[in-house]
Every structure is written in structure tokens, then in C-alpha cells.
């Protein structure tokens, strides 16, 4: 199990984390952290192909593409759906993990796509 800290690179460094996850709006900090911590695993949130390309150009190792399905953590956010997700994952210049509304049931709908894997928030939280 690898620990990635979301958004706070200084906390990740102090905690001895394996890396950093940056929100799409903060990908400008990607090059900064890539230069300072070249061995870190750095992921970036993405919501479309331009963000996937920018993340790859900035040196990200992978992207979490979201939301794939409707999700309680971001109510009302338009979902990509499995077909659009599959297209984006196929054309992405870096590995893509599916995030947003991913459960055991919805995750099966991503079988056969170019997804590197899945990520979850609510589905892992339990009751």
C-alpha cells in the first residue's frame, strides 16, 4: 500500500508519503514537486482530455479521471459515463484511473477499457 497525500506536498514530505495527488486546478504545482521529489508517485485529477494532456506534459505519473458515474461526493456533477471514459482513457497520454461513482457494480461496466485501475472515496468509506 502506498500513501499519497492530497494537495499538500509539504505534509507528504513530512509524512514520508510515497507521493502526492493534485486537484486539476493545482496542476501548476506539478512541475515544482516533480523537480523536488523525482521519485514520488504524482497523480492529478482530470475531467477531460485537455487536463490529461496537461498532466502528462507536467510530468504526472497517472491521472484520476472523474466523475465516471454520478457520485454522492459531488452531487450534480455531470458524469462522463463509461463510453466517454473509455474513449478518454484510450487516447490519454498517461495511465488513467476511474473515479466517481465507482462501485463493485459500476466498476464492471469499465471492463475492457484502457483504465489502469479504479479509485474510490465513498465506496471505500463504509457505513
N, C-alpha and C. Protein backbone atom coordinates (compact mmCIF):
# COMPACT_ATOMS: atom_id res chain seq x y z
N UNK A 1 0.85 -1.17 0.00
CA UNK A 1 0.00 0.00 0.00
C UNK A 1 0.89 1.23 0.00
N UNK A 2 0.61 2.14 -0.91
CA UNK A 2 1.35 3.39 -1.00
C UNK A 2 0.48 4.53 -0.50
N UNK A 3 1.06 5.41 0.27
CA UNK A 3 0.34 6.58 0.77
C UNK A 3 0.63 7.77 -0.13
N UNK A 4 -0.43 8.36 -0.67
CA UNK A 4 -0.34 9.63 -1.39
C UNK A 4 -1.13 10.64 -0.58
N UNK A 5 -0.58 11.81 -0.42
CA UNK A 5 -1.27 12.90 0.28
C UNK A 5 -1.87 13.82 -0.76
N UNK A 6 -3.12 14.19 -0.55
CA UNK A 6 -3.81 15.07 -1.49
C UNK A 6 -3.43 16.52 -1.25
N UNK A 7 -2.89 17.15 -2.29
CA UNK A 7 -2.68 18.58 -2.42
C UNK A 7 -1.57 19.20 -1.57
N UNK A 8 -1.21 18.62 -0.46
CA UNK A 8 -0.24 19.24 0.44
C UNK A 8 1.12 18.54 0.34
N UNK A 9 1.97 19.05 -0.53
CA UNK A 9 3.28 18.47 -0.75
C UNK A 9 4.17 18.52 0.48
N UNK A 10 4.06 19.58 1.24
CA UNK A 10 4.89 19.69 2.45
C UNK A 10 4.49 18.64 3.47
N UNK A 11 3.20 18.39 3.61
CA UNK A 11 2.73 17.33 4.51
C UNK A 11 3.19 15.97 3.99
N UNK A 12 3.10 15.76 2.69
CA UNK A 12 3.55 14.49 2.10
C UNK A 12 5.02 14.26 2.40
N UNK A 13 5.83 15.30 2.29
CA UNK A 13 7.26 15.17 2.57
C UNK A 13 7.49 14.85 4.05
N UNK A 14 6.81 15.56 4.95
CA UNK A 14 6.98 15.32 6.39
C UNK A 14 6.49 13.94 6.79
N UNK A 15 5.45 13.46 6.14
CA UNK A 15 4.86 12.17 6.49
C UNK A 15 5.61 11.00 5.86
N UNK A 16 6.55 11.29 4.98
CA UNK A 16 7.27 10.22 4.30
C UNK A 16 6.39 9.48 3.30
N UNK A 17 5.42 10.20 2.74
CA UNK A 17 4.49 9.60 1.78
C UNK A 17 5.22 9.18 0.50
N UNK A 18 4.58 8.28 -0.21
CA UNK A 18 5.14 7.81 -1.49
C UNK A 18 4.88 8.81 -2.60
N UNK A 19 4.00 9.77 -2.33
CA UNK A 19 3.71 10.73 -3.38
C UNK A 19 2.62 11.70 -3.03
N UNK A 20 2.10 12.30 -4.09
CA UNK A 20 1.19 13.44 -3.98
C UNK A 20 0.09 13.32 -5.02
N UNK A 21 -1.12 13.68 -4.63
CA UNK A 21 -2.24 13.79 -5.58
C UNK A 21 -2.66 15.25 -5.63
N UNK A 22 -2.73 15.79 -6.84
CA UNK A 22 -3.10 17.19 -7.02
C UNK A 22 -4.45 17.32 -7.71
N UNK A 23 -5.28 18.26 -7.25
CA UNK A 23 -6.52 18.52 -7.97
C UNK A 23 -6.20 19.17 -9.32
N UNK A 24 -7.12 19.08 -10.25
CA UNK A 24 -6.89 19.64 -11.58
C UNK A 24 -6.50 21.11 -11.52
N UNK A 25 -7.13 21.86 -10.67
CA UNK A 25 -6.85 23.30 -10.56
C UNK A 25 -5.45 23.59 -10.03
N UNK A 26 -4.81 22.61 -9.42
CA UNK A 26 -3.49 22.83 -8.81
C UNK A 26 -2.37 22.16 -9.60
N UNK A 27 -2.65 21.75 -10.83
CA UNK A 27 -1.61 21.04 -11.57
C UNK A 27 -0.43 21.93 -11.91
N UNK A 28 -0.55 23.25 -11.72
CA UNK A 28 0.59 24.15 -11.91
C UNK A 28 1.72 23.85 -10.95
N UNK A 29 1.39 23.22 -9.83
CA UNK A 29 2.42 22.84 -8.84
C UNK A 29 3.10 21.52 -9.18
N UNK A 30 2.62 20.86 -10.22
CA UNK A 30 3.14 19.55 -10.58
C UNK A 30 4.63 19.59 -10.90
N UNK A 31 5.05 20.49 -11.74
CA UNK A 31 6.48 20.58 -12.09
C UNK A 31 7.35 20.91 -10.88
N UNK A 32 6.84 21.78 -10.02
CA UNK A 32 7.56 22.13 -8.80
C UNK A 32 7.88 20.87 -7.99
N UNK A 33 6.85 20.07 -7.72
CA UNK A 33 7.05 18.88 -6.91
C UNK A 33 7.80 17.79 -7.66
N UNK A 34 7.61 17.69 -8.96
CA UNK A 34 8.33 16.69 -9.75
C UNK A 34 9.84 16.96 -9.69
N UNK A 35 10.22 18.24 -9.74
CA UNK A 35 11.64 18.59 -9.66
C UNK A 35 12.22 18.29 -8.28
N UNK A 36 11.47 18.58 -7.25
CA UNK A 36 11.96 18.40 -5.89
C UNK A 36 11.89 16.96 -5.41
N UNK A 37 10.95 16.20 -5.90
CA UNK A 37 10.74 14.82 -5.46
C UNK A 37 10.59 13.91 -6.69
N UNK A 38 11.68 13.71 -7.45
CA UNK A 38 11.56 12.94 -8.70
C UNK A 38 11.12 11.49 -8.51
N UNK A 39 11.27 10.94 -7.32
CA UNK A 39 10.87 9.55 -7.09
C UNK A 39 9.44 9.40 -6.61
N UNK A 40 8.79 10.50 -6.31
CA UNK A 40 7.41 10.43 -5.86
C UNK A 40 6.50 9.93 -6.96
N UNK A 41 5.44 9.28 -6.56
CA UNK A 41 4.33 8.97 -7.44
C UNK A 41 3.41 10.18 -7.37
N UNK A 42 3.20 10.84 -8.50
CA UNK A 42 2.36 12.03 -8.52
C UNK A 42 1.20 11.80 -9.47
N UNK A 43 0.00 11.95 -8.92
CA UNK A 43 -1.21 11.82 -9.71
C UNK A 43 -1.94 13.16 -9.74
N UNK A 44 -2.76 13.33 -10.76
CA UNK A 44 -3.51 14.57 -10.93
C UNK A 44 -4.96 14.24 -11.26
N UNK A 45 -5.88 14.99 -10.73
CA UNK A 45 -7.29 14.85 -11.09
C UNK A 45 -7.49 15.45 -12.48
N UNK A 46 -8.35 14.83 -13.26
CA UNK A 46 -8.65 15.32 -14.60
C UNK A 46 -10.13 15.11 -14.89
N UNK A 47 -10.66 16.01 -15.72
CA UNK A 47 -12.07 15.92 -16.08
C UNK A 47 -12.27 15.91 -17.58
N UNK A 48 -11.19 15.83 -18.34
CA UNK A 48 -11.28 15.80 -19.79
C UNK A 48 -9.91 15.65 -20.42
N UNK A 49 -9.88 15.56 -21.75
CA UNK A 49 -8.62 15.33 -22.47
C UNK A 49 -7.61 16.46 -22.31
N UNK A 50 -8.01 17.73 -22.34
CA UNK A 50 -7.01 18.79 -22.13
C UNK A 50 -6.28 18.65 -20.79
N UNK A 51 -7.00 18.29 -19.75
CA UNK A 51 -6.37 18.11 -18.44
C UNK A 51 -5.45 16.89 -18.42
N UNK A 52 -5.84 15.83 -19.13
CA UNK A 52 -4.98 14.64 -19.22
C UNK A 52 -3.68 14.98 -19.93
N UNK A 53 -3.77 15.73 -21.01
CA UNK A 53 -2.57 16.13 -21.75
C UNK A 53 -1.68 17.04 -20.92
N UNK A 54 -2.28 17.99 -20.23
CA UNK A 54 -1.50 18.90 -19.39
C UNK A 54 -0.81 18.15 -18.26
N UNK A 55 -1.49 17.17 -17.69
CA UNK A 55 -0.89 16.38 -16.61
C UNK A 55 0.31 15.60 -17.13
N UNK A 56 0.19 15.03 -18.31
CA UNK A 56 1.31 14.28 -18.90
C UNK A 56 2.47 15.22 -19.20
N UNK A 57 2.19 16.37 -19.76
CA UNK A 57 3.24 17.35 -20.08
C UNK A 57 3.94 17.84 -18.82
N UNK A 58 3.21 17.92 -17.71
CA UNK A 58 3.78 18.39 -16.46
C UNK A 58 4.56 17.33 -15.71
N UNK A 59 4.49 16.08 -16.16
CA UNK A 59 5.26 15.02 -15.52
C UNK A 59 4.49 14.14 -14.57
N UNK A 60 3.16 14.17 -14.61
CA UNK A 60 2.38 13.29 -13.73
C UNK A 60 2.60 11.84 -14.12
N UNK A 61 2.49 10.97 -13.15
CA UNK A 61 2.61 9.53 -13.40
C UNK A 61 1.29 8.93 -13.85
N UNK A 62 0.19 9.50 -13.39
CA UNK A 62 -1.14 8.98 -13.72
C UNK A 62 -2.17 10.06 -13.43
N UNK A 63 -3.38 9.83 -13.93
CA UNK A 63 -4.49 10.75 -13.67
C UNK A 63 -5.68 9.98 -13.14
N UNK A 64 -6.45 10.64 -12.29
CA UNK A 64 -7.73 10.11 -11.84
C UNK A 64 -8.79 10.88 -12.60
N UNK A 65 -9.43 10.20 -13.55
CA UNK A 65 -10.41 10.83 -14.43
C UNK A 65 -11.79 10.68 -13.80
N UNK A 66 -12.48 11.82 -13.63
CA UNK A 66 -13.74 11.80 -12.88
C UNK A 66 -14.69 12.90 -13.34
N UNK A 67 -15.93 12.78 -12.91
CA UNK A 67 -16.56 11.59 -12.37
C UNK A 67 -17.05 10.69 -13.50
N UNK A 68 -16.80 9.42 -13.36
CA UNK A 68 -17.22 8.47 -14.38
C UNK A 68 -18.71 8.22 -14.28
N UNK A 69 -19.20 8.06 -13.07
CA UNK A 69 -20.62 7.83 -12.82
C UNK A 69 -21.11 8.88 -11.83
N UNK A 70 -22.43 9.09 -11.72
CA UNK A 70 -22.93 10.01 -10.69
C UNK A 70 -22.40 9.60 -9.33
N UNK A 71 -22.08 10.60 -8.51
CA UNK A 71 -21.46 10.31 -7.22
C UNK A 71 -22.03 11.19 -6.12
N UNK A 72 -22.16 10.61 -4.94
CA UNK A 72 -22.67 11.35 -3.79
C UNK A 72 -21.68 12.41 -3.32
N UNK A 73 -20.39 12.21 -3.57
CA UNK A 73 -19.41 13.18 -3.09
C UNK A 73 -19.39 14.46 -3.93
N UNK A 74 -19.94 14.40 -5.14
CA UNK A 74 -20.05 15.59 -6.00
C UNK A 74 -21.43 15.61 -6.65
N UNK A 75 -22.47 15.82 -5.85
CA UNK A 75 -23.84 15.75 -6.38
C UNK A 75 -24.05 16.79 -7.48
N UNK A 76 -24.68 16.35 -8.55
CA UNK A 76 -24.99 17.26 -9.65
C UNK A 76 -23.88 17.41 -10.67
N UNK A 77 -22.70 16.90 -10.39
CA UNK A 77 -21.60 16.99 -11.36
C UNK A 77 -21.93 16.10 -12.55
N UNK A 78 -21.76 16.59 -13.76
CA UNK A 78 -22.06 15.74 -14.92
C UNK A 78 -21.08 14.58 -15.02
N UNK A 79 -21.61 13.38 -15.14
CA UNK A 79 -20.78 12.18 -15.23
C UNK A 79 -20.33 11.95 -16.67
N UNK A 80 -19.12 11.40 -16.81
CA UNK A 80 -18.59 11.08 -18.13
C UNK A 80 -19.35 9.92 -18.76
N UNK A 81 -19.70 8.95 -17.95
CA UNK A 81 -20.29 7.72 -18.46
C UNK A 81 -19.20 6.77 -18.92
N UNK A 82 -19.51 5.50 -19.01
CA UNK A 82 -18.47 4.52 -19.35
C UNK A 82 -17.93 4.65 -20.77
N UNK A 83 -18.74 5.06 -21.72
CA UNK A 83 -18.25 5.17 -23.10
C UNK A 83 -17.28 6.34 -23.27
N UNK A 84 -17.65 7.49 -22.75
CA UNK A 84 -16.74 8.63 -22.84
C UNK A 84 -15.47 8.38 -22.03
N UNK A 85 -15.63 7.77 -20.86
CA UNK A 85 -14.45 7.43 -20.07
C UNK A 85 -13.52 6.53 -20.89
N UNK A 86 -14.09 5.50 -21.54
CA UNK A 86 -13.28 4.56 -22.33
C UNK A 86 -12.53 5.28 -23.43
N UNK A 87 -13.20 6.20 -24.11
CA UNK A 87 -12.55 6.98 -25.18
C UNK A 87 -11.41 7.82 -24.64
N UNK A 88 -11.65 8.50 -23.54
CA UNK A 88 -10.61 9.35 -22.95
C UNK A 88 -9.44 8.52 -22.44
N UNK A 89 -9.72 7.40 -21.80
CA UNK A 89 -8.65 6.54 -21.29
C UNK A 89 -7.81 5.99 -22.45
N UNK A 90 -8.47 5.67 -23.55
CA UNK A 90 -7.77 5.12 -24.72
C UNK A 90 -6.83 6.15 -25.34
N UNK A 91 -7.23 7.41 -25.35
CA UNK A 91 -6.43 8.45 -26.00
C UNK A 91 -5.50 9.19 -25.04
N UNK A 92 -5.61 8.89 -23.77
CA UNK A 92 -4.79 9.58 -22.77
C UNK A 92 -3.31 9.26 -22.95
N UNK A 93 -2.46 10.27 -22.79
CA UNK A 93 -1.02 10.04 -22.88
C UNK A 93 -0.41 9.46 -21.60
N UNK A 94 -1.23 9.23 -20.57
CA UNK A 94 -0.72 8.64 -19.33
C UNK A 94 -1.77 7.70 -18.76
N UNK A 95 -1.40 6.82 -17.85
CA UNK A 95 -2.38 5.90 -17.26
C UNK A 95 -3.52 6.65 -16.58
N UNK A 96 -4.72 6.09 -16.71
CA UNK A 96 -5.92 6.72 -16.17
C UNK A 96 -6.63 5.77 -15.23
N UNK A 97 -6.98 6.29 -14.06
CA UNK A 97 -7.78 5.55 -13.08
C UNK A 97 -9.17 6.16 -13.07
N UNK A 98 -10.18 5.32 -13.00
CA UNK A 98 -11.57 5.77 -12.96
C UNK A 98 -11.94 6.17 -11.54
N UNK A 99 -12.56 7.33 -11.40
CA UNK A 99 -13.01 7.82 -10.10
C UNK A 99 -14.39 8.43 -10.25
N UNK A 100 -15.20 8.28 -9.25
CA UNK A 100 -16.51 8.92 -9.23
C UNK A 100 -17.62 7.92 -9.47
N UNK A 101 -18.31 7.55 -8.40
CA UNK A 101 -19.42 6.63 -8.52
C UNK A 101 -19.00 5.21 -8.82
N UNK A 102 -17.73 4.90 -8.64
CA UNK A 102 -17.23 3.56 -8.92
C UNK A 102 -17.54 2.64 -7.72
N UNK A 103 -18.31 1.61 -7.99
CA UNK A 103 -18.65 0.59 -7.01
C UNK A 103 -18.38 -0.77 -7.64
N UNK A 104 -18.63 -1.82 -6.91
CA UNK A 104 -18.45 -3.16 -7.49
C UNK A 104 -19.33 -3.32 -8.73
N UNK A 105 -20.55 -2.79 -8.67
CA UNK A 105 -21.49 -2.91 -9.80
C UNK A 105 -21.07 -2.04 -10.98
N UNK A 106 -20.82 -0.74 -10.72
CA UNK A 106 -20.50 0.16 -11.83
C UNK A 106 -19.10 -0.12 -12.38
N UNK A 107 -18.21 -0.57 -11.53
CA UNK A 107 -16.85 -0.87 -11.97
C UNK A 107 -16.80 -1.93 -13.05
N UNK A 108 -17.74 -2.88 -13.00
CA UNK A 108 -17.79 -3.92 -14.03
C UNK A 108 -18.06 -3.32 -15.41
N UNK A 109 -18.71 -2.19 -15.46
CA UNK A 109 -19.02 -1.54 -16.74
C UNK A 109 -17.77 -0.96 -17.40
N UNK A 110 -16.67 -0.93 -16.67
CA UNK A 110 -15.42 -0.41 -17.21
C UNK A 110 -14.49 -1.52 -17.71
N UNK A 111 -14.93 -2.75 -17.56
CA UNK A 111 -14.15 -3.88 -18.04
C UNK A 111 -13.91 -3.72 -19.54
N UNK A 112 -12.68 -3.96 -19.96
CA UNK A 112 -12.34 -3.86 -21.37
C UNK A 112 -11.91 -2.47 -21.81
N UNK A 113 -11.96 -1.50 -20.90
CA UNK A 113 -11.48 -0.16 -21.24
C UNK A 113 -9.98 -0.10 -20.97
N UNK A 114 -9.39 1.01 -21.32
CA UNK A 114 -7.95 1.20 -21.08
C UNK A 114 -7.66 1.71 -19.67
N UNK A 115 -8.61 1.58 -18.77
CA UNK A 115 -8.40 2.04 -17.39
C UNK A 115 -7.24 1.28 -16.76
N UNK A 116 -6.37 2.04 -16.11
CA UNK A 116 -5.26 1.43 -15.37
C UNK A 116 -5.77 0.82 -14.07
N UNK A 117 -6.91 1.31 -13.61
CA UNK A 117 -7.49 0.83 -12.37
C UNK A 117 -8.64 1.72 -11.97
N UNK A 118 -9.10 1.53 -10.75
CA UNK A 118 -10.19 2.34 -10.22
C UNK A 118 -9.75 2.99 -8.92
N UNK A 119 -10.40 4.08 -8.61
CA UNK A 119 -10.20 4.78 -7.34
C UNK A 119 -11.58 5.05 -6.77
N UNK A 120 -11.68 5.15 -5.48
CA UNK A 120 -12.97 5.35 -4.86
C UNK A 120 -12.82 6.16 -3.59
N UNK A 121 -13.89 6.83 -3.24
CA UNK A 121 -13.94 7.58 -1.98
C UNK A 121 -15.06 6.99 -1.13
N UNK A 122 -16.29 7.25 -1.50
CA UNK A 122 -17.44 6.80 -0.73
C UNK A 122 -17.54 5.29 -0.68
N UNK A 123 -17.24 4.62 -1.79
CA UNK A 123 -17.36 3.16 -1.84
C UNK A 123 -16.43 2.48 -0.84
N UNK A 124 -15.35 3.14 -0.47
CA UNK A 124 -14.39 2.56 0.48
C UNK A 124 -14.63 3.01 1.91
N UNK A 125 -15.48 4.00 2.09
CA UNK A 125 -15.66 4.60 3.41
C UNK A 125 -16.44 3.70 4.36
N UNK A 126 -17.28 2.85 3.85
CA UNK A 126 -18.09 2.00 4.72
C UNK A 126 -19.24 2.78 5.31
N UNK A 127 -19.96 2.14 6.20
CA UNK A 127 -21.13 2.79 6.81
C UNK A 127 -20.81 3.44 8.11
